[in-house]
């Protein structure tokens, strides 16, 4: 049986495809997103308390470098194979170079269910992979479109660094790290014990969103949907290579592979929508949320776990 939180995602997909009147109010969804990202950061900060040292720098830099390499690989593929224009190629590169907090949460829950070892710094992977890809993809587009200048780069950095996800994740990590398990006890039990419940409700809404994006199925976009199915497997192979080279513990390796195989549907759409006006955000969301996210949640993460265990 898959992890119980996956069943909530499947419920959302089935309800959406059946055209049920089930819906999660936007205010509730926003609240769930805030609580989930804050909880992920907070749990990671608690794990890092007393365990942060300079020896981690090479590992963290290697992880961050993946956020630079992946969009540089995705952009020419989108241009040549998918025949997308510069704006949509950069958009797709940003979405697939950046990562999914929801996929991270599912991979974390799956690793914990299997009682795999997770290194304290693992939550930092999410923060480190979130930013570089967005910056690289937007900078690449502006350079190729002849729009590159100091002011535009400054606005891109500001947009990325002050996005809701980055603020919540980074803030949660810092709070958990500086307070530690003992001083954070008044709130830590609530966050930690509520994690799977929050994730389950969040995935219910993600299932509804995925079904909505696929109803009716946009067959004319089949090349992008095919890319969204194949890309996680190719990127997961890259993540597995990095995890093996870094000699990560089993849980951290699985989470890194799942992150590298994921695509952003929260941070990247907001940043790309603001920086690249010609980009079709709906196209990127079709790929990342309607195809890649369900694939990773329902099939990918268990598959990656078997790859790593082989």
Protein backbone atom coordinates (compact mmCIF):
# COMPACT_ATOMS: atom_id res chain seq x y z
CA UNK A 1 0.00 0.00 0.00
CA UNK A 2 1.25 3.54 -0.75
CA UNK A 3 1.69 6.04 2.06
CA UNK A 4 -1.70 7.17 3.34
CA UNK A 5 -1.13 10.79 2.22
CA UNK A 6 -0.99 9.58 -1.39
CA UNK A 7 -4.52 8.22 -0.99
CA UNK A 8 -5.74 11.77 -0.32
CA UNK A 9 -4.13 12.94 -3.57
CA UNK A 10 -5.81 10.08 -5.44
CA UNK A 11 -9.13 11.06 -3.84
CA UNK A 12 -8.72 14.60 -5.15
CA UNK A 13 -7.92 13.36 -8.66
CA UNK A 14 -10.93 11.02 -8.71
CA UNK A 15 -13.25 13.73 -7.36
CA UNK A 16 -11.98 16.21 -9.93
CA UNK A 17 -12.30 13.82 -12.86
CA UNK A 18 -15.82 12.91 -11.69
CA UNK A 19 -16.66 16.63 -11.66
CA UNK A 20 -17.64 16.55 -8.00
CA UNK A 21 -18.53 19.83 -6.30
CA UNK A 22 -15.77 19.11 -3.77
CA UNK A 23 -13.42 22.07 -3.42
CA UNK A 24 -10.97 23.46 -0.91
CA UNK A 25 -11.61 27.18 -0.35
CA UNK A 26 -8.75 29.35 -1.59
CA UNK A 27 -8.20 30.84 1.87
CA UNK A 28 -7.93 27.33 3.34
CA UNK A 29 -5.53 26.24 0.58
CA UNK A 30 -3.33 29.30 1.14
CA UNK A 31 -3.31 28.58 4.88
CA UNK A 32 -2.39 24.94 4.27
CA UNK A 33 0.45 25.99 1.96
CA UNK A 34 1.82 28.42 4.54
CA UNK A 35 1.61 25.88 7.37
CA UNK A 36 3.15 23.11 5.29
CA UNK A 37 6.16 25.14 4.14
CA UNK A 38 6.69 26.60 7.60
CA UNK A 39 6.49 23.12 9.14
CA UNK A 40 9.01 21.69 6.65
CA UNK A 41 11.44 24.51 7.41
CA UNK A 42 10.84 24.30 11.16
CA UNK A 43 11.37 20.51 11.28
CA UNK A 44 14.56 20.93 9.28
CA UNK A 45 15.81 23.67 11.60
CA UNK A 46 15.22 21.49 14.65
CA UNK A 47 17.19 18.68 13.02
CA UNK A 48 20.02 21.08 12.17
CA UNK A 49 20.26 22.41 15.75
CA UNK A 50 23.74 21.51 16.92
CA UNK A 51 24.53 19.66 13.69
CA UNK A 52 25.53 22.50 11.34
CA UNK A 53 29.25 22.56 10.50
CA UNK A 54 31.60 23.69 7.76
CA UNK A 55 32.08 20.16 6.44
CA UNK A 56 28.59 20.42 4.94
CA UNK A 57 29.56 23.28 2.59
CA UNK A 58 30.83 21.09 -0.31
CA UNK A 59 27.67 18.95 -0.16
CA UNK A 60 25.35 21.95 -0.11
CA UNK A 61 27.23 23.66 -2.96
CA UNK A 62 26.99 20.47 -5.02
CA UNK A 63 23.23 20.35 -4.44
CA UNK A 64 22.83 24.04 -5.34
CA UNK A 65 24.82 23.46 -8.55
CA UNK A 66 22.08 21.08 -9.72
CA UNK A 67 19.72 24.05 -9.70
CA UNK A 68 22.08 25.76 -12.15
CA UNK A 69 22.74 22.79 -14.42
CA UNK A 70 19.16 21.53 -14.87
CA UNK A 71 17.64 24.68 -16.43
CA UNK A 72 20.65 24.96 -18.74
CA UNK A 73 19.90 21.40 -19.91
CA UNK A 74 16.14 21.89 -20.17
CA UNK A 75 16.19 25.13 -22.15
CA UNK A 76 17.76 23.76 -25.38
CA UNK A 77 15.55 20.64 -25.17
CA UNK A 78 12.45 22.81 -24.97
CA UNK A 79 13.64 24.92 -27.92
CA UNK A 80 14.74 22.09 -30.21
CA UNK A 81 12.55 19.11 -29.31
CA UNK A 82 9.35 20.82 -28.17
CA UNK A 83 9.71 23.75 -30.61
CA UNK A 84 8.78 26.28 -27.94
CA UNK A 85 9.68 29.97 -28.24
CA UNK A 86 12.31 31.60 -26.04
CA UNK A 87 9.86 32.73 -23.36
CA UNK A 88 8.17 29.36 -22.90
CA UNK A 89 11.46 27.47 -23.13
CA UNK A 90 12.86 29.60 -20.31
CA UNK A 91 9.63 29.15 -18.36
CA UNK A 92 9.74 25.36 -18.67
CA UNK A 93 13.44 25.36 -17.75
CA UNK A 94 12.70 27.38 -14.61
CA UNK A 95 9.83 25.13 -13.55
CA UNK A 96 11.86 21.92 -13.99
CA UNK A 97 15.06 23.34 -12.59
CA UNK A 98 13.21 24.56 -9.51
CA UNK A 99 11.54 22.08 -7.18
CA UNK A 100 8.23 21.12 -5.62
CA UNK A 101 7.69 21.56 -1.88
CA UNK A 102 4.77 19.14 -2.13
CA UNK A 103 6.99 16.45 -3.66
CA UNK A 104 9.57 17.09 -0.93
CA UNK A 105 6.91 16.60 1.73
CA UNK A 106 5.67 13.34 0.19
CA UNK A 107 9.24 12.02 -0.20
CA UNK A 108 10.00 13.00 3.41
CA UNK A 109 6.88 11.20 4.65
CA UNK A 110 7.74 8.14 2.53
CA UNK A 111 11.32 8.03 3.83
CA UNK A 112 10.09 8.33 7.41
CA UNK A 113 7.55 5.53 6.85
CA UNK A 114 10.38 3.28 5.63
CA UNK A 115 12.51 4.46 8.59
CA UNK A 116 15.32 5.54 6.28
CA UNK A 117 18.13 7.68 7.67
CA UNK A 118 17.70 11.37 6.89
CA UNK A 119 20.63 13.76 7.40
CA UNK A 120 19.89 16.96 9.38
CA UNK A 121 20.74 19.22 6.43
CA UNK A 122 18.26 17.57 4.05
CA UNK A 123 15.66 20.34 4.35
CA UNK A 124 18.27 22.79 3.04
CA UNK A 125 18.17 20.94 -0.30
CA UNK A 126 14.71 22.36 -0.88
CA UNK A 127 15.84 25.95 -0.29
CA UNK A 128 19.05 25.54 -2.28
CA UNK A 129 17.30 24.05 -5.32
CA UNK A 130 14.38 26.50 -5.27
CA UNK A 131 16.32 29.66 -6.12
CA UNK A 132 19.16 29.02 -8.63
CA UNK A 133 17.00 27.58 -11.39
CA UNK A 134 14.60 30.51 -11.41
CA UNK A 135 17.46 33.02 -11.45
CA UNK A 136 19.35 31.14 -14.19
CA UNK A 137 16.31 30.67 -16.45
CA UNK A 138 15.16 34.28 -16.19
CA UNK A 139 18.70 35.60 -16.68
CA UNK A 140 19.17 33.33 -19.71
CA UNK A 141 15.94 34.55 -21.27
CA UNK A 142 16.74 38.22 -20.70
CA UNK A 143 20.22 37.79 -22.13
CA UNK A 144 18.97 36.01 -25.25
CA UNK A 145 16.12 38.51 -25.66
CA UNK A 146 18.52 41.44 -25.26
CA UNK A 147 16.87 42.64 -22.03
CA UNK A 148 19.76 41.98 -19.66
CA UNK A 149 20.80 44.83 -17.37
CA UNK A 150 21.71 45.40 -13.73
CA UNK A 151 18.28 46.66 -12.75
CA UNK A 152 16.49 43.62 -14.19
CA UNK A 153 18.88 41.23 -12.45
CA UNK A 154 18.27 43.03 -9.18
CA UNK A 155 14.51 42.70 -9.53
CA UNK A 156 14.83 39.00 -10.35
CA UNK A 157 16.90 38.39 -7.22
CA UNK A 158 14.46 40.39 -5.10
CA UNK A 159 11.47 38.50 -6.51
CA UNK A 160 13.11 35.13 -5.85
CA UNK A 161 14.49 35.87 -2.39
CA UNK A 162 11.29 37.43 -1.07
CA UNK A 163 8.86 34.87 -2.47
CA UNK A 164 6.49 33.31 0.04
CA UNK A 165 8.02 29.85 -0.17
CA UNK A 166 11.60 31.02 0.36
CA UNK A 167 10.63 33.30 3.27
CA UNK A 168 8.63 30.57 5.03
CA UNK A 169 11.14 27.78 4.45
CA UNK A 170 14.17 29.87 5.39
CA UNK A 171 12.39 31.48 8.33
CA UNK A 172 11.24 28.09 9.61
CA UNK A 173 14.76 26.68 9.35
CA UNK A 174 16.24 29.64 11.25
CA UNK A 175 13.60 29.53 14.01
CA UNK A 176 14.01 25.78 14.49
CA UNK A 177 17.80 25.99 14.36
CA UNK A 178 18.23 28.82 16.85
CA UNK A 179 15.62 27.63 19.35
CA UNK A 180 16.32 23.90 19.21
CA UNK A 181 14.05 21.07 20.39
CA UNK A 182 13.87 22.09 24.06
CA UNK A 183 13.11 25.79 23.69
CA UNK A 184 10.78 25.15 20.74
CA UNK A 185 8.82 22.49 22.62
CA UNK A 186 5.70 24.68 23.18
CA UNK A 187 5.01 24.70 19.43
CA UNK A 188 7.12 21.87 18.00
CA UNK A 189 4.75 19.06 18.96
CA UNK A 190 1.87 20.78 17.18
CA UNK A 191 3.88 21.28 13.99
CA UNK A 192 5.48 17.83 13.97
CA UNK A 193 2.35 15.85 14.84
CA UNK A 194 0.21 17.82 12.39
CA UNK A 195 2.63 17.39 9.48
CA UNK A 196 0.97 14.41 7.81
CA UNK A 197 -2.53 15.80 8.35
CA UNK A 198 -1.52 19.10 6.72
CA UNK A 199 0.15 17.21 3.87
CA UNK A 200 -2.93 15.05 3.34
CA UNK A 201 -5.24 18.06 3.02
CA UNK A 202 -2.74 19.87 0.80
CA UNK A 203 -2.51 16.83 -1.50
CA UNK A 204 -6.30 16.60 -1.66
CA UNK A 205 -6.35 20.08 -3.21
CA UNK A 206 -3.40 19.22 -5.47
CA UNK A 207 -5.36 16.24 -6.76
CA UNK A 208 -8.32 18.49 -7.57
CA UNK A 209 -6.01 20.96 -9.34
CA UNK A 210 -4.32 18.22 -11.38
CA UNK A 211 -7.68 16.82 -12.49
CA UNK A 212 -8.90 20.29 -13.45
CA UNK A 213 -5.81 20.90 -15.59
CA UNK A 214 -6.43 17.61 -17.42
CA UNK A 215 -10.17 18.14 -18.03
CA UNK A 216 -10.51 17.99 -20.95
CA UNK A 217 -7.16 16.46 -21.85
CA UNK A 218 -5.32 19.01 -24.07
CA UNK A 219 -4.19 16.52 -26.71
CA UNK A 220 -2.65 19.24 -28.87
CA UNK A 221 -0.09 19.72 -26.09
CA UNK A 222 1.02 16.08 -26.25
CA UNK A 223 4.73 16.89 -26.78
CA UNK A 224 4.82 18.91 -23.55
CA UNK A 225 2.89 16.22 -21.66
CA UNK A 226 5.26 13.54 -22.98
CA UNK A 227 8.19 15.68 -21.85
CA UNK A 228 6.55 15.99 -18.41
CA UNK A 229 6.41 12.18 -18.14
CA UNK A 230 9.94 11.48 -19.36
CA UNK A 231 11.74 14.38 -17.64
CA UNK A 232 11.28 13.07 -14.06
CA UNK A 233 12.94 9.76 -14.95
CA UNK A 234 15.90 11.45 -16.66
CA UNK A 235 16.31 14.04 -13.90
CA UNK A 236 15.96 11.34 -11.23
CA UNK A 237 18.93 9.55 -12.80
CA UNK A 238 20.95 12.76 -12.47
CA UNK A 239 19.82 13.09 -8.84
CA UNK A 240 20.72 9.46 -8.11
CA UNK A 241 24.20 10.03 -9.54
CA UNK A 242 24.66 13.10 -7.33
CA UNK A 243 23.33 11.30 -4.23
CA UNK A 244 25.70 8.39 -4.82
CA UNK A 245 28.67 10.68 -5.41
CA UNK A 246 27.90 12.60 -2.21
CA UNK A 247 27.41 9.32 -0.29
CA UNK A 248 24.14 10.52 1.21
CA UNK A 249 22.21 8.35 3.68
CA UNK A 250 19.28 6.45 2.17
CA UNK A 251 16.52 8.86 3.22
CA UNK A 252 18.40 11.97 2.12
CA UNK A 253 19.30 10.30 -1.18
CA UNK A 254 15.63 9.49 -1.87
CA UNK A 255 14.55 13.04 -1.05
CA UNK A 256 17.25 14.57 -3.26
CA UNK A 257 16.31 12.31 -6.17
CA UNK A 258 12.62 13.15 -5.76
CA UNK A 259 13.40 16.87 -5.62
CA UNK A 260 15.60 16.82 -8.71
CA UNK A 261 12.86 14.85 -10.53
CA UNK A 262 10.17 17.34 -9.50
CA UNK A 263 8.95 20.59 -11.02
CA UNK A 264 7.83 23.77 -9.28
CA UNK A 265 4.19 24.82 -9.32
CA UNK A 266 4.30 27.52 -6.61
CA UNK A 267 7.51 29.58 -6.65
CA UNK A 268 8.37 29.35 -10.36
CA UNK A 269 4.94 30.39 -11.74
CA UNK A 270 4.93 33.50 -9.57
CA UNK A 271 8.49 34.49 -10.48
CA UNK A 272 8.17 33.69 -14.20
CA UNK A 273 4.80 35.41 -14.48
CA UNK A 274 6.33 38.59 -13.12
CA UNK A 275 9.61 38.46 -15.08
CA UNK A 276 8.68 36.94 -18.47
CA UNK A 277 5.39 38.43 -19.65
CA UNK A 278 5.31 36.42 -22.90
CA UNK A 279 5.49 33.07 -21.10
CA UNK A 280 2.37 30.90 -21.03
CA UNK A 281 2.24 29.93 -17.35
CA UNK A 282 -0.68 27.60 -18.02
CA UNK A 283 1.53 25.50 -20.30
CA UNK A 284 4.20 25.11 -17.62
CA UNK A 285 1.57 24.33 -14.99
CA UNK A 286 0.07 21.65 -17.26
CA UNK A 287 3.46 19.95 -17.34
CA UNK A 288 4.55 20.45 -13.73
CA UNK A 289 1.29 20.13 -11.80
CA UNK A 290 -0.97 18.03 -14.02
CA UNK A 291 1.60 15.48 -15.20
CA UNK A 292 4.94 15.49 -13.37
CA UNK A 293 3.58 15.99 -9.84
CA UNK A 294 1.04 13.12 -10.05
CA UNK A 295 3.64 10.88 -11.66
CA UNK A 296 6.14 11.49 -8.86
CA UNK A 297 3.59 11.12 -6.07
CA UNK A 298 1.86 8.00 -7.41
CA UNK A 299 4.70 6.21 -9.20
CA UNK A 300 8.01 8.05 -9.08
CA UNK A 301 8.95 8.17 -5.40
CA UNK A 302 8.44 4.43 -4.76
CA UNK A 303 10.29 3.73 -8.02
CA UNK A 304 13.22 5.94 -7.03
CA UNK A 305 13.39 4.19 -3.65
CA UNK A 306 13.74 0.84 -5.43
CA UNK A 307 16.42 2.27 -7.74
CA UNK A 308 18.48 3.46 -4.78
CA UNK A 309 18.04 0.19 -2.88
CA UNK A 310 19.16 -1.94 -5.85
